[in-house]
Amino acid sequence: MYFGVVLSPCYGQVERISVKSESRFYEWESLFAIKTLDGKLEQIQTNVSGEVESLEVQEGDDVIPGMVLAYIKEDLFVTGSD
């Protein structure tokens, strides 16, 4: 397993968290939705599959670019998706 992080790409507020701590997720699955300062909904995805190690934010939290949203354990095998 490889440990990684999911980071916020923008300023905004966590609108929705689609995963739970210690749950599995798959590449390109939406993990978070952040409402940006201009009102747009930014979907946060990752290009790996794995397991959520811990969630570092809750719905309603304000975020800034580079802020850690979650720590993850990535799978090392390739899924074959383009």
N, C-alpha and C. Protein backbone atom coordinates (compact mmCIF):
# COMPACT_ATOMS: atom_id res chain seq x y z
N MET A 1 0.84 -1.19 0.00
CA MET A 1 0.00 0.00 0.00
C MET A 1 0.87 1.25 0.00
N TYR A 2 0.39 2.25 -0.67
CA TYR A 2 1.02 3.55 -0.71
C TYR A 2 0.09 4.54 -0.03
N PHE A 3 0.63 5.36 0.86
CA PHE A 3 -0.19 6.33 1.56
C PHE A 3 -0.12 7.66 0.82
N GLY A 4 -1.26 8.31 0.66
CA GLY A 4 -1.33 9.58 -0.05
C GLY A 4 -2.34 10.50 0.61
N VAL A 5 -2.53 11.65 -0.03
CA VAL A 5 -3.47 12.64 0.49
C VAL A 5 -4.37 13.12 -0.64
N VAL A 6 -5.54 13.56 -0.27
CA VAL A 6 -6.46 14.24 -1.18
C VAL A 6 -6.48 15.69 -0.71
N LEU A 7 -6.16 16.61 -1.63
CA LEU A 7 -6.05 18.03 -1.30
C LEU A 7 -7.16 18.85 -1.94
N SER A 8 -7.50 19.94 -1.28
CA SER A 8 -8.45 20.89 -1.86
C SER A 8 -7.76 21.68 -2.96
N PRO A 9 -8.39 21.82 -4.14
CA PRO A 9 -7.80 22.61 -5.21
C PRO A 9 -8.21 24.09 -5.17
N CYS A 10 -9.10 24.45 -4.23
CA CYS A 10 -9.70 25.78 -4.29
C CYS A 10 -10.13 26.28 -2.92
N TYR A 11 -10.48 27.55 -2.88
CA TYR A 11 -11.14 28.13 -1.70
C TYR A 11 -12.62 27.78 -1.79
N GLY A 12 -13.24 27.48 -0.66
CA GLY A 12 -14.67 27.19 -0.67
C GLY A 12 -15.11 26.53 0.61
N GLN A 13 -16.24 25.82 0.50
CA GLN A 13 -16.83 25.13 1.64
C GLN A 13 -17.21 23.71 1.23
N VAL A 14 -16.91 22.75 2.10
CA VAL A 14 -17.24 21.35 1.81
C VAL A 14 -18.76 21.20 1.80
N GLU A 15 -19.29 20.91 0.62
CA GLU A 15 -20.73 20.76 0.43
C GLU A 15 -21.17 19.32 0.71
N ARG A 16 -20.35 18.35 0.25
CA ARG A 16 -20.72 16.94 0.39
C ARG A 16 -19.47 16.08 0.50
N ILE A 17 -19.54 15.07 1.36
CA ILE A 17 -18.48 14.05 1.46
C ILE A 17 -19.12 12.73 1.05
N SER A 18 -18.60 12.14 -0.01
CA SER A 18 -19.21 10.93 -0.59
C SER A 18 -18.59 9.63 -0.08
N VAL A 19 -17.58 9.72 0.77
CA VAL A 19 -16.92 8.53 1.31
C VAL A 19 -16.90 8.61 2.83
N LYS A 20 -16.68 7.47 3.45
CA LYS A 20 -16.56 7.40 4.89
C LYS A 20 -15.15 6.94 5.25
N SER A 21 -14.73 7.24 6.45
CA SER A 21 -13.43 6.79 6.92
C SER A 21 -13.38 5.27 6.85
N GLU A 22 -12.28 4.73 6.37
CA GLU A 22 -12.03 3.30 6.22
C GLU A 22 -12.89 2.63 5.14
N SER A 23 -13.52 3.43 4.26
CA SER A 23 -14.28 2.84 3.16
C SER A 23 -13.44 2.80 1.90
N ARG A 24 -13.79 1.91 0.96
CA ARG A 24 -13.08 1.80 -0.32
C ARG A 24 -13.62 2.85 -1.28
N PHE A 25 -12.75 3.27 -2.18
CA PHE A 25 -13.17 4.16 -3.26
C PHE A 25 -12.44 3.70 -4.53
N TYR A 26 -12.97 4.12 -5.66
CA TYR A 26 -12.41 3.71 -6.94
C TYR A 26 -12.01 4.95 -7.73
N GLU A 27 -11.00 4.77 -8.60
CA GLU A 27 -10.50 5.92 -9.35
C GLU A 27 -11.62 6.62 -10.09
N TRP A 28 -11.51 7.93 -10.14
CA TRP A 28 -12.44 8.84 -10.80
C TRP A 28 -13.80 8.94 -10.10
N GLU A 29 -13.97 8.26 -8.97
CA GLU A 29 -15.18 8.40 -8.17
C GLU A 29 -15.11 9.74 -7.44
N SER A 30 -16.22 10.45 -7.37
CA SER A 30 -16.23 11.72 -6.65
C SER A 30 -16.15 11.45 -5.15
N LEU A 31 -15.16 12.06 -4.49
CA LEU A 31 -14.97 11.87 -3.06
C LEU A 31 -15.56 13.02 -2.25
N PHE A 32 -15.40 14.24 -2.78
CA PHE A 32 -15.88 15.44 -2.12
C PHE A 32 -16.50 16.37 -3.15
N ALA A 33 -17.41 17.23 -2.69
CA ALA A 33 -17.92 18.33 -3.50
C ALA A 33 -17.68 19.60 -2.69
N ILE A 34 -17.01 20.55 -3.32
CA ILE A 34 -16.70 21.82 -2.66
C ILE A 34 -17.41 22.94 -3.41
N LYS A 35 -18.16 23.75 -2.67
CA LYS A 35 -18.79 24.92 -3.26
C LYS A 35 -17.76 26.04 -3.22
N THR A 36 -17.34 26.51 -4.40
CA THR A 36 -16.31 27.53 -4.49
C THR A 36 -16.87 28.89 -4.11
N LEU A 37 -15.99 29.86 -3.96
CA LEU A 37 -16.40 31.20 -3.56
C LEU A 37 -17.35 31.84 -4.57
N ASP A 38 -17.23 31.45 -5.85
CA ASP A 38 -18.14 32.00 -6.87
C ASP A 38 -19.39 31.15 -7.07
N GLY A 39 -19.63 30.18 -6.16
CA GLY A 39 -20.87 29.41 -6.16
C GLY A 39 -20.88 28.15 -7.00
N LYS A 40 -19.78 27.85 -7.68
CA LYS A 40 -19.71 26.62 -8.48
C LYS A 40 -19.42 25.42 -7.59
N LEU A 41 -19.86 24.25 -8.05
CA LEU A 41 -19.62 23.01 -7.30
C LEU A 41 -18.44 22.27 -7.94
N GLU A 42 -17.35 22.14 -7.20
CA GLU A 42 -16.13 21.48 -7.67
C GLU A 42 -16.12 20.05 -7.14
N GLN A 43 -16.12 19.06 -8.06
CA GLN A 43 -16.07 17.65 -7.67
C GLN A 43 -14.61 17.25 -7.48
N ILE A 44 -14.29 16.66 -6.33
CA ILE A 44 -12.92 16.25 -6.03
C ILE A 44 -12.83 14.74 -6.24
N GLN A 45 -11.96 14.35 -7.19
CA GLN A 45 -11.75 12.95 -7.54
C GLN A 45 -10.27 12.63 -7.44
N THR A 46 -9.95 11.36 -7.57
CA THR A 46 -8.56 10.94 -7.60
C THR A 46 -8.38 9.94 -8.73
N ASN A 47 -7.17 9.80 -9.21
CA ASN A 47 -6.93 8.87 -10.32
C ASN A 47 -6.41 7.52 -9.83
N VAL A 48 -6.64 7.21 -8.56
CA VAL A 48 -6.25 5.92 -7.98
C VAL A 48 -7.44 5.32 -7.24
N SER A 49 -7.35 4.03 -6.97
CA SER A 49 -8.32 3.34 -6.13
C SER A 49 -7.64 3.06 -4.79
N GLY A 50 -8.44 2.86 -3.76
CA GLY A 50 -7.85 2.55 -2.46
C GLY A 50 -8.85 2.59 -1.34
N GLU A 51 -8.35 2.95 -0.15
CA GLU A 51 -9.18 2.99 1.05
C GLU A 51 -8.93 4.31 1.77
N VAL A 52 -9.98 4.89 2.31
CA VAL A 52 -9.85 6.13 3.08
C VAL A 52 -9.26 5.79 4.44
N GLU A 53 -8.11 6.36 4.74
CA GLU A 53 -7.47 6.16 6.04
C GLU A 53 -8.13 7.06 7.09
N SER A 54 -8.31 8.34 6.75
CA SER A 54 -9.00 9.26 7.66
C SER A 54 -9.51 10.47 6.89
N LEU A 55 -10.65 10.99 7.32
CA LEU A 55 -11.21 12.22 6.78
C LEU A 55 -10.75 13.37 7.67
N GLU A 56 -10.30 14.44 7.06
CA GLU A 56 -9.77 15.57 7.82
C GLU A 56 -10.71 16.78 7.83
N VAL A 57 -11.83 16.68 7.11
CA VAL A 57 -12.82 17.75 7.07
C VAL A 57 -14.21 17.17 7.27
N GLN A 58 -15.15 18.05 7.57
CA GLN A 58 -16.55 17.68 7.69
C GLN A 58 -17.36 18.56 6.76
N GLU A 59 -18.57 18.14 6.43
CA GLU A 59 -19.44 18.97 5.61
C GLU A 59 -19.65 20.31 6.32
N GLY A 60 -19.54 21.39 5.54
CA GLY A 60 -19.68 22.73 6.10
C GLY A 60 -18.36 23.41 6.43
N ASP A 61 -17.26 22.65 6.45
CA ASP A 61 -15.95 23.23 6.74
C ASP A 61 -15.48 24.12 5.59
N ASP A 62 -14.84 25.22 5.94
CA ASP A 62 -14.18 26.07 4.94
C ASP A 62 -12.84 25.45 4.59
N VAL A 63 -12.46 25.53 3.30
CA VAL A 63 -11.19 24.97 2.85
C VAL A 63 -10.44 25.99 2.02
N ILE A 64 -9.12 25.78 1.92
CA ILE A 64 -8.25 26.62 1.10
C ILE A 64 -7.43 25.70 0.20
N PRO A 65 -6.86 26.24 -0.88
CA PRO A 65 -6.05 25.40 -1.77
C PRO A 65 -4.90 24.73 -1.00
N GLY A 66 -4.72 23.43 -1.25
CA GLY A 66 -3.65 22.67 -0.61
C GLY A 66 -4.01 22.08 0.73
N MET A 67 -5.20 22.39 1.24
CA MET A 67 -5.64 21.84 2.53
C MET A 67 -5.94 20.35 2.38
N VAL A 68 -5.51 19.54 3.35
CA VAL A 68 -5.74 18.10 3.31
C VAL A 68 -7.21 17.80 3.61
N LEU A 69 -7.86 17.10 2.68
CA LEU A 69 -9.25 16.68 2.87
C LEU A 69 -9.30 15.27 3.46
N ALA A 70 -8.38 14.41 3.02
CA ALA A 70 -8.36 13.02 3.49
C ALA A 70 -6.99 12.41 3.28
N TYR A 71 -6.67 11.46 4.14
CA TYR A 71 -5.49 10.60 3.94
C TYR A 71 -6.00 9.28 3.40
N ILE A 72 -5.30 8.74 2.41
CA ILE A 72 -5.75 7.51 1.75
C ILE A 72 -4.63 6.48 1.68
N LYS A 73 -5.03 5.21 1.55
CA LYS A 73 -4.12 4.11 1.24
C LYS A 73 -4.44 3.69 -0.19
N GLU A 74 -3.52 3.95 -1.09
CA GLU A 74 -3.74 3.64 -2.50
C GLU A 74 -3.41 2.18 -2.79
N ASP A 75 -4.20 1.57 -3.69
CA ASP A 75 -3.87 0.25 -4.20
C ASP A 75 -2.69 0.38 -5.14
N LEU A 76 -1.82 -0.62 -5.17
CA LEU A 76 -0.65 -0.57 -6.03
C LEU A 76 -0.90 -1.16 -7.41
N PHE A 77 -2.01 -1.87 -7.59
CA PHE A 77 -2.23 -2.48 -8.90
C PHE A 77 -2.92 -1.50 -9.85
N VAL A 78 -2.65 -1.69 -11.14
CA VAL A 78 -3.23 -0.84 -12.17
C VAL A 78 -4.61 -1.37 -12.50
N THR A 79 -5.60 -0.46 -12.63
CA THR A 79 -6.96 -0.90 -12.87
C THR A 79 -7.28 -1.10 -14.35
N GLY A 80 -6.43 -0.56 -15.23
CA GLY A 80 -6.67 -0.73 -16.67
C GLY A 80 -7.58 0.30 -17.25
N SER A 81 -7.96 1.31 -16.50
CA SER A 81 -8.84 2.36 -16.98
C SER A 81 -8.02 3.45 -17.66
N ASP A 82 -8.54 4.04 -18.72
CA ASP A 82 -7.85 5.16 -19.40
C ASP A 82 -8.26 6.47 -18.79
